[in-house]
Every structure is written in C-alpha cells, then in structure tokens.
Amino acid sequence: MLLVVLFTIGSSVLFVPGGATAAAKQDAWISILAGIGLSFLLVCMYNGVAGLYPGLTLVEISEKLLGKWLGAIVSFFLIVSTFAVGGVSLIDFAGTFVTRQIMPATPVIAANILFVVVAIWGQYLGLGTVARAAEVLFPLITALFIVMILAVSPNMKLEHLQPAFTVGVKPLIKSCISYLGFSTFPAVFFLMIYPPCVKEPDQASKAMLIGNIVGGLFLLTITTVCVAVLGAEGTSRQAYPSYTLAKKINIANFITRIEVLMATLWFLSLYFKLMIYFFAGMKGLAQLLKLQDKRALLLPLGLLSVVFARMFYPSAAYRQLWDEKIWPLYVGTSGLIIPLLLLAMGIIRKKGTMRRKNNS
C-alpha cells in the first residue's frame, strides 16, 4: 500500500498542480476529485486483469492471452514504457530539477549519474528492502508534507478558489486526463509485482485501491493549496508550482525559504516511483528474454538510462511539450487500452472454456 501511495505521489506532486490548473483554473480540485473516482475504477480493472491468471505478471498474461507473437509485441511495448518512458524520464527530470532549482552550476549528467547509482543499489538489494525503506520513510514524508501545508496556510486566500464550477466540462475532462496520466495510468506496472511477488494477493488488491486513493488525496491537497496561495494563473505559469509554494513559507520573518522540505519530500517519493518502474522493466525484460536472474540487466540498463536521459529529452521546452501532449496518450495506451484488451480477451476465453465444459 505504501509503495502505491509513494508511486502515486512521485513526480505528480510537482506536475499535477500546474497541469490540472492550466486546464481547469480554480476548478482544478474538482477535476482531481473526479480523477480519484476514475482511478478507483481503473485500479479495479487492474485487479481484474491480475485475477485472470493469479501468479503471472503482466508480461506473462499478455503472452498467454494474445499469443506468442502479438503478446511479445505488447510485452515489449510495456517494457519500453517502464524503462525509456518511465524510468529514464524520471532520471532526466531529477537531474533537470536539481540543476535548475538547487545547484545550477552542476552538470545535468552528474545529477543523473548520482540518481542512477542509488537506483541500481536499491534494485540490487531487492524489492523487499525497498518496501521496508518505504515503511521507514513514509512517516517522514507525511510529516514534511503536513509541516509545509501548515506553514504556508496563512498565505491561503479562499477567493482564489472562487467562483467554482465555472470553467465547463471540456477543461475539467482535460485536467482529469492530465491527473490520470501522471498518477494512475502508470500504476498498471504494479501488475509486474502483484500478484507474483506478494504473499497475500487478495490483500494486495485492497492495498492497490487504498494506496491509490490516499496518494490522490495528497495530490488533491497540494493542488488546492497551490491555487489558494498562488492563484490559478500563478499556479499554471510555474514549472514546479508546489516547489514555488514552499518558497512562500514565512514564519515571523525568521523561518523562510525552507523549500528544501518540498524537495526532500519529492526526491523520496520520486525514488520509490523510479524503483517500481525499473523493477517492472527489468523483470519484464528478463521474462521476455528467458533470463534466470534479472540482476544481470542492472548495470547495462543503468548505464543506458544515463545516456538515454539526455537523448530522449534534449531540452526543457521539448520535455514540456512531451509531458503535455505525448505522455498522456502514450501512458494511456499502457494504462487503459492494453488492460481493457487483456480483460476482454480473458473474459471471452473464460466464457469459451465454460461453454466447452457445459457441452461436454
């Protein structure tokens, strides 16, 4: 559950407020509420896919339902999504954020290498160790989040949230899709972990639902506070509105500029999101290539991710275009179209099997 919460927050804590507000203005909180409701349905669908063949990963389910060749193509697309589109994107974003906001004199590639080294070490220790680290660090993340919200609360103005329900349906839908693209569609990659890597799959399905809702409430809170403090226009213009929000903290003109709290919260949650992407990608690639030990892929994929981070996202302007226009469509294919296809094929096959049994 904690892994799902941290995965949902991940990079979304910096992206979602600006993306949702750019479309829905002061009604961004409404679109995120709707997104949380749709997320519940999506996670139910993911649980349904996992229940088709308990014990198999998403890659194995794809090959079983779609056949050897089509299943391999779909599996390869999912693996590329986790590694090139998910993991590499987060590595580049971490490096870009550090060099633009915290240490401008540091080369981006140096920040990327540091992030990748920690990621490789986490993968080497295993998912169990990463999950235990989540248990230890989640209270710290929650505490930092609460401290930041309380510290900035004197700057909130309710008039920034008014008037409500005025932007129309289209902007709300666009804002909701932006939320789903960053927070929920990527959760389909948990099907590489659950059910094969957990002891009690039934409890894991509930944990998926609860974790996604709790993560959504974190994002709902930070988006509402961003709009209440910065205003709708101010939030949509900022590249990292929640980081800008932390800069507004001023307690008695003594405790100021403690945005490092926001950066710490974000780096911790981003790390766990990267771990899930890498674990899912390496496990899927190992299964596709019939490798016995996925850790043989650790160093090659780690080195490639540093190179690909600069190749795939050459500039900040390109990255912004990618995040706004391409990412929702790409991850929507992985998080909506493919699971729907697998669920439909699984239902059709089960009905066919039942008919044959009845006829015999």
Protein backbone atom coordinates (compact mmCIF):
# COMPACT_ATOMS: atom_id res chain seq x y z
CA MET A 1 0.00 0.00 0.00
CA LEU A 2 2.79 2.41 0.90
CA LEU A 3 4.57 1.68 -2.38
CA VAL A 4 1.38 2.54 -4.27
CA VAL A 5 0.94 5.76 -2.24
CA LEU A 6 4.51 6.88 -2.93
CA PHE A 7 4.28 5.83 -6.59
CA THR A 8 1.08 7.88 -6.99
CA ILE A 9 2.69 10.95 -5.40
CA GLY A 10 6.08 10.53 -7.13
CA SER A 11 6.68 13.18 -9.76
CA SER A 12 2.95 14.02 -9.72
CA VAL A 13 3.39 16.25 -6.67
CA LEU A 14 5.28 18.69 -8.92
CA PHE A 15 3.46 18.11 -12.23
CA VAL A 16 -0.21 17.69 -11.33
CA PRO A 17 -0.94 21.12 -9.75
CA GLY A 18 0.31 23.03 -12.81
CA GLY A 19 -1.19 20.64 -15.37
CA ALA A 20 -4.59 20.50 -13.69
CA THR A 21 -4.76 24.25 -13.13
CA ALA A 22 -3.70 25.13 -16.67
CA ALA A 23 -6.87 23.48 -17.98
CA ALA A 24 -9.41 23.79 -15.14
CA LYS A 25 -8.19 27.03 -13.49
CA GLN A 26 -9.63 27.42 -9.97
CA ASP A 27 -11.73 24.26 -10.51
CA ALA A 28 -8.63 22.06 -10.62
CA TRP A 29 -9.64 20.46 -7.32
CA ILE A 30 -12.92 19.33 -8.90
CA SER A 31 -11.09 17.60 -11.76
CA ILE A 32 -8.78 15.82 -9.31
CA LEU A 33 -11.77 14.64 -7.25
CA ALA A 34 -13.23 13.22 -10.46
CA GLY A 35 -9.83 11.73 -11.27
CA ILE A 36 -9.70 9.97 -7.90
CA GLY A 37 -13.11 8.42 -8.65
CA LEU A 38 -11.97 7.26 -12.10
CA SER A 39 -8.74 5.98 -10.57
CA PHE A 40 -10.79 3.70 -8.34
CA LEU A 41 -12.40 2.15 -11.43
CA LEU A 42 -9.05 1.83 -13.21
CA VAL A 43 -7.41 0.07 -10.26
CA CYS A 44 -10.42 -2.27 -10.07
CA MET A 45 -9.75 -3.08 -13.73
CA TYR A 46 -6.06 -3.73 -12.99
CA ASN A 47 -7.08 -6.05 -10.16
CA GLY A 48 -9.40 -7.82 -12.61
CA VAL A 49 -6.52 -8.33 -15.06
CA ALA A 50 -4.31 -9.67 -12.25
CA GLY A 51 -7.09 -12.07 -11.26
CA LEU A 52 -7.30 -13.64 -14.71
CA TYR A 53 -4.17 -15.72 -14.10
CA PRO A 54 -3.08 -15.44 -10.44
CA GLY A 55 0.65 -15.73 -10.03
CA LEU A 56 1.52 -14.39 -13.51
CA THR A 57 2.98 -10.98 -14.30
CA LEU A 58 1.54 -8.54 -16.83
CA VAL A 59 4.04 -9.72 -19.45
CA GLU A 60 3.12 -13.38 -18.91
CA ILE A 61 -0.61 -12.59 -19.01
CA SER A 62 -0.13 -10.72 -22.32
CA GLU A 63 1.65 -13.67 -23.92
CA LYS A 64 -0.92 -16.14 -22.59
CA LEU A 65 -3.95 -14.20 -23.85
CA LEU A 66 -2.60 -12.65 -27.07
CA GLY A 67 -0.37 -15.46 -28.28
CA LYS A 68 3.36 -15.73 -28.69
CA TRP A 69 4.00 -13.00 -31.28
CA LEU A 70 1.34 -10.40 -30.51
CA GLY A 71 1.90 -10.98 -26.80
CA ALA A 72 5.65 -10.41 -27.28
CA ILE A 73 4.97 -7.14 -29.14
CA VAL A 74 2.65 -5.88 -26.40
CA SER A 75 5.14 -7.00 -23.74
CA PHE A 76 7.97 -5.17 -25.50
CA PHE A 77 5.85 -2.01 -25.65
CA LEU A 78 5.17 -2.26 -21.91
CA ILE A 79 8.86 -2.82 -21.15
CA VAL A 80 9.85 0.20 -23.23
CA SER A 81 7.19 2.18 -21.39
CA THR A 82 8.64 1.32 -18.00
CA PHE A 83 12.26 1.90 -18.91
CA ALA A 84 12.55 4.52 -21.66
CA VAL A 85 9.37 6.48 -20.98
CA GLY A 86 9.05 6.00 -17.23
CA GLY A 87 12.43 5.41 -15.62
CA VAL A 88 14.56 7.47 -17.99
CA SER A 89 12.04 10.33 -17.82
CA LEU A 90 12.26 10.41 -14.02
CA ILE A 91 16.06 10.29 -14.08
CA ASP A 92 16.21 13.20 -16.50
CA PHE A 93 13.60 15.13 -14.54
CA ALA A 94 15.51 14.60 -11.28
CA GLY A 95 18.72 15.88 -12.85
CA THR A 96 17.00 18.81 -14.56
CA PHE A 97 15.19 19.82 -11.38
CA VAL A 98 18.39 19.75 -9.33
CA THR A 99 20.38 21.79 -11.83
CA ARG A 100 17.63 24.34 -12.48
CA GLN A 101 16.37 24.88 -8.94
CA ILE A 102 19.02 23.86 -6.41
CA MET A 103 22.54 23.53 -7.90
CA PRO A 104 22.64 25.43 -11.22
CA ALA A 105 26.42 25.03 -11.61
CA THR A 106 26.17 21.23 -11.54
CA PRO A 107 26.06 19.40 -14.92
CA VAL A 108 22.79 17.56 -15.51
CA ILE A 109 24.61 14.31 -16.31
CA ALA A 110 26.34 14.39 -12.89
CA ALA A 111 22.99 14.63 -11.10
CA ASN A 112 21.61 11.85 -13.32
CA ILE A 113 24.53 9.53 -12.51
CA LEU A 114 24.11 10.05 -8.76
CA PHE A 115 20.39 9.25 -9.00
CA VAL A 116 21.04 6.15 -11.12
CA VAL A 117 23.70 4.82 -8.73
CA VAL A 118 21.24 4.90 -5.83
CA ALA A 119 18.57 3.32 -8.04
CA ILE A 120 20.89 0.47 -9.08
CA TRP A 121 21.85 -0.16 -5.46
CA GLY A 122 18.19 -0.33 -4.47
CA GLN A 123 17.43 -2.81 -7.23
CA TYR A 124 20.42 -4.93 -6.24
CA LEU A 125 19.17 -5.14 -2.64
CA GLY A 126 15.75 -6.20 -3.87
CA LEU A 127 12.15 -5.05 -3.76
CA GLY A 128 11.69 -6.29 -0.18
CA THR A 129 14.39 -3.94 1.07
CA VAL A 130 12.90 -1.05 -0.91
CA ALA A 131 9.46 -1.78 0.57
CA ARG A 132 10.89 -1.77 4.11
CA ALA A 133 12.55 1.57 3.36
CA ALA A 134 9.11 2.85 2.32
CA GLU A 135 7.74 1.81 5.72
CA VAL A 136 10.53 3.71 7.46
CA LEU A 137 10.40 6.85 5.31
CA PHE A 138 6.65 7.26 4.77
CA PRO A 139 6.07 8.85 8.23
CA LEU A 140 8.86 11.34 7.44
CA ILE A 141 7.31 12.16 4.06
CA THR A 142 3.89 12.65 5.64
CA ALA A 143 5.35 14.83 8.40
CA LEU A 144 7.18 17.04 5.88
CA PHE A 145 4.00 17.35 3.83
CA ILE A 146 1.90 18.38 6.86
CA VAL A 147 4.54 20.85 8.07
CA MET A 148 4.67 22.50 4.65
CA ILE A 149 0.86 22.79 4.38
CA LEU A 150 0.55 24.25 7.90
CA ALA A 151 3.44 26.66 7.36
CA VAL A 152 2.01 28.05 4.14
CA SER A 153 -1.62 28.12 5.31
CA PRO A 154 -1.51 31.80 6.47
CA ASN A 155 -0.95 32.77 2.81
CA MET A 156 -4.07 31.00 1.56
CA LYS A 157 -6.88 33.12 0.11
CA LEU A 158 -10.23 31.42 -0.42
CA GLU A 159 -11.18 33.94 -3.12
CA HIS A 160 -8.55 32.29 -5.34
CA LEU A 161 -10.78 29.18 -5.37
CA GLN A 162 -13.84 31.19 -6.46
CA PRO A 163 -16.03 31.08 -8.43
CA ALA A 164 -16.38 27.30 -8.55
CA PHE A 165 -17.95 25.16 -11.30
CA THR A 166 -17.46 27.83 -13.96
CA VAL A 167 -14.87 26.52 -16.44
CA GLY A 168 -17.11 24.00 -18.23
CA VAL A 169 -16.90 20.29 -18.95
CA LYS A 170 -14.09 20.21 -21.55
CA PRO A 171 -11.42 21.85 -19.36
CA LEU A 172 -12.38 19.57 -16.48
CA ILE A 173 -12.01 16.49 -18.69
CA LYS A 174 -8.62 17.70 -19.97
CA SER A 175 -7.47 18.39 -16.42
CA CYS A 176 -8.72 14.99 -15.26
CA ILE A 177 -6.82 13.22 -18.06
CA SER A 178 -3.66 15.07 -17.03
CA TYR A 179 -4.13 13.80 -13.47
CA LEU A 180 -4.73 10.22 -14.59
CA GLY A 181 -1.71 10.35 -16.92
CA PHE A 182 0.71 11.15 -14.11
CA SER A 183 -0.82 9.38 -11.14
CA THR A 184 -2.96 6.40 -12.16
CA PHE A 185 -2.28 5.00 -15.64
CA PRO A 186 1.35 4.12 -14.69
CA ALA A 187 0.03 2.06 -11.74
CA VAL A 188 -0.65 -0.73 -14.25
CA PHE A 189 3.04 -1.64 -13.89
CA PHE A 190 2.34 -2.87 -10.37
CA LEU A 191 0.97 -5.95 -12.15
CA MET A 192 4.62 -6.92 -12.61
CA ILE A 193 4.87 -7.09 -8.80
CA TYR A 194 1.41 -8.19 -7.75
CA PRO A 195 0.35 -10.97 -7.59
CA PRO A 196 3.61 -12.96 -8.19
CA CYS A 197 5.78 -11.12 -5.64
CA VAL A 198 3.36 -10.82 -2.71
CA LYS A 199 2.35 -13.44 -0.14
CA GLU A 200 -1.34 -12.49 0.05
CA PRO A 201 -2.68 -11.32 -3.36
CA ASP A 202 -6.20 -10.65 -2.01
CA GLN A 203 -4.87 -8.13 0.48
CA ALA A 204 -2.62 -6.66 -2.20
CA SER A 205 -5.66 -5.86 -4.37
CA LYS A 206 -7.19 -3.88 -1.50
CA ALA A 207 -3.84 -2.20 -0.87
CA MET A 208 -3.75 -1.09 -4.52
CA LEU A 209 -7.14 0.61 -4.14
CA ILE A 210 -6.41 2.23 -0.77
CA GLY A 211 -2.91 3.33 -1.78
CA ASN A 212 -4.13 5.00 -4.97
CA ILE A 213 -6.88 6.88 -3.11
CA VAL A 214 -4.51 8.04 -0.34
CA GLY A 215 -1.97 9.21 -2.92
CA GLY A 216 -4.77 11.03 -4.75
CA LEU A 217 -5.75 12.84 -1.54
CA PHE A 218 -2.14 14.04 -1.17
CA LEU A 219 -2.30 15.47 -4.71
CA LEU A 220 -5.76 16.96 -4.14
CA THR A 221 -4.47 18.76 -1.04
CA ILE A 222 -1.32 20.15 -2.64
CA THR A 223 -3.20 21.32 -5.75
CA THR A 224 -5.90 23.08 -3.71
CA VAL A 225 -3.31 24.78 -1.51
CA CYS A 226 -1.26 25.86 -4.58
CA VAL A 227 -4.32 27.51 -6.12
CA ALA A 228 -5.35 29.08 -2.79
CA VAL A 229 -1.88 30.62 -2.31
CA LEU A 230 -0.59 31.31 -5.83
CA GLY A 231 -3.90 31.71 -7.64
CA ALA A 232 -4.96 29.78 -10.73
CA GLU A 233 -2.85 31.86 -13.12
CA GLY A 234 0.18 31.83 -10.86
CA THR A 235 -0.02 28.05 -10.43
CA SER A 236 -0.40 27.32 -14.16
CA ARG A 237 2.55 29.57 -15.08
CA GLN A 238 5.01 27.85 -12.73
CA ALA A 239 7.09 24.91 -13.93
CA TYR A 240 7.06 23.47 -10.38
CA PRO A 241 4.17 25.15 -8.54
CA SER A 242 4.42 23.06 -5.37
CA TYR A 243 8.12 23.94 -5.09
CA THR A 244 7.26 27.61 -5.60
CA LEU A 245 4.60 27.20 -2.93
CA ALA A 246 7.24 26.11 -0.41
CA LYS A 247 9.18 29.31 -1.13
CA LYS A 248 6.23 31.27 0.25
CA ILE A 249 6.75 29.91 3.76
CA ASN A 250 7.49 32.77 6.13
CA ILE A 251 7.06 32.32 9.87
CA ALA A 252 7.71 35.54 11.84
CA ASN A 253 10.26 36.63 9.22
CA PHE A 254 12.59 34.08 10.78
CA ILE A 255 11.78 30.70 9.22
CA THR A 256 11.82 31.37 5.47
CA ARG A 257 12.95 29.76 2.23
CA ILE A 258 12.67 26.20 3.52
CA GLU A 259 11.64 24.83 0.15
CA VAL A 260 14.20 22.11 0.76
CA LEU A 261 11.33 20.41 2.66
CA MET A 262 9.40 20.15 -0.60
CA ALA A 263 12.47 18.98 -2.47
CA THR A 264 13.15 16.28 0.14
CA LEU A 265 9.56 15.05 0.04
CA TRP A 266 9.64 14.96 -3.73
CA PHE A 267 13.02 13.18 -4.01
CA LEU A 268 11.94 10.45 -1.60
CA SER A 269 8.64 9.76 -3.35
CA LEU A 270 10.27 10.01 -6.78
CA TYR A 271 12.88 7.43 -5.78
CA PHE A 272 10.22 4.83 -4.98
CA LYS A 273 8.41 5.56 -8.24
CA LEU A 274 11.67 5.02 -10.12
CA MET A 275 12.21 1.76 -8.25
CA ILE A 276 8.84 0.40 -9.39
CA TYR A 277 9.49 1.42 -13.00
CA PHE A 278 12.94 -0.19 -13.01
CA PHE A 279 11.80 -3.34 -11.23
CA ALA A 280 8.86 -3.80 -13.62
CA GLY A 281 11.02 -3.13 -16.68
CA MET A 282 13.86 -5.46 -15.67
CA LYS A 283 11.52 -8.24 -14.59
CA GLY A 284 9.54 -7.98 -17.83
CA LEU A 285 12.69 -7.92 -19.98
CA ALA A 286 14.14 -10.90 -18.11
CA GLN A 287 10.92 -12.86 -18.71
CA LEU A 288 10.81 -11.86 -22.37
CA LEU A 289 14.44 -12.94 -22.88
CA LYS A 290 14.03 -16.03 -20.65
CA LEU A 291 16.79 -14.93 -18.27
CA GLN A 292 17.09 -16.66 -14.91
CA ASP A 293 18.38 -13.63 -12.97
CA LYS A 294 17.14 -10.13 -13.81
CA ARG A 295 20.01 -8.57 -11.85
CA ALA A 296 22.26 -9.32 -14.83
CA LEU A 297 20.47 -6.40 -16.52
CA LEU A 298 21.13 -3.94 -13.69
CA LEU A 299 24.39 -2.36 -14.82
CA PRO A 300 23.66 -2.27 -18.59
CA LEU A 301 20.22 -0.69 -18.12
CA GLY A 302 21.60 1.72 -15.52
CA LEU A 303 24.32 2.94 -17.86
CA LEU A 304 21.92 3.17 -20.79
CA SER A 305 19.43 5.19 -18.75
CA VAL A 306 22.02 7.94 -18.16
CA VAL A 307 22.73 8.17 -21.90
CA PHE A 308 19.07 7.93 -22.96
CA ALA A 309 18.00 10.61 -20.46
CA ARG A 310 19.82 13.28 -22.48
CA MET A 311 18.95 11.76 -25.86
CA PHE A 312 15.20 11.41 -25.27
CA TYR A 313 14.73 14.78 -23.53
CA PRO A 314 17.24 17.21 -25.07
CA SER A 315 15.74 20.43 -23.69
CA ALA A 316 13.27 21.78 -21.15
CA ALA A 317 10.97 23.05 -23.93
CA TYR A 318 10.85 19.61 -25.55
CA ARG A 319 10.19 17.98 -22.21
CA GLN A 320 7.27 20.33 -21.52
CA LEU A 321 5.76 19.51 -24.91
CA TRP A 322 6.24 15.79 -24.24
CA ASP A 323 4.59 15.98 -20.82
CA GLU A 324 1.60 17.97 -22.09
CA LYS A 325 0.89 16.36 -25.47
CA ILE A 326 2.54 12.95 -25.82
CA TRP A 327 2.85 11.44 -22.33
CA PRO A 328 -0.92 11.19 -21.57
CA LEU A 329 -1.55 9.38 -24.89
CA TYR A 330 1.43 7.07 -24.51
CA VAL A 331 0.81 6.09 -20.91
CA GLY A 332 -2.94 5.89 -21.65
CA THR A 333 -2.16 3.08 -24.08
CA SER A 334 -0.30 1.19 -21.36
CA GLY A 335 -2.72 2.03 -18.55
CA LEU A 336 -6.10 1.87 -20.31
CA ILE A 337 -6.16 0.32 -23.78
CA ILE A 338 -3.91 -2.69 -23.12
CA PRO A 339 -5.56 -3.64 -19.78
CA LEU A 340 -9.01 -3.33 -21.39
CA LEU A 341 -7.86 -5.57 -24.25
CA LEU A 342 -6.43 -8.16 -21.85
CA LEU A 343 -9.53 -8.11 -19.65
CA ALA A 344 -11.83 -8.52 -22.65
CA MET A 345 -9.74 -11.39 -24.03
CA GLY A 346 -9.66 -13.05 -20.62
CA ILE A 347 -13.44 -12.83 -20.22
CA ILE A 348 -14.02 -14.18 -23.74
CA ARG A 349 -11.65 -17.09 -23.15
CA LYS A 350 -13.23 -17.97 -19.82
CA LYS A 351 -16.71 -17.94 -21.37
CA GLY A 352 -15.48 -20.16 -24.21
CA THR A 353 -13.94 -22.59 -21.71
CA MET A 354 -17.18 -22.73 -19.68
CA ARG A 355 -19.24 -23.42 -22.82
CA ARG A 356 -16.98 -26.26 -23.85
CA LYS A 357 -17.24 -27.77 -20.37
CA ASN A 358 -21.03 -27.48 -20.40
CA ASN A 359 -21.26 -29.06 -23.85
CA SER A 360 -19.04 -31.94 -22.82
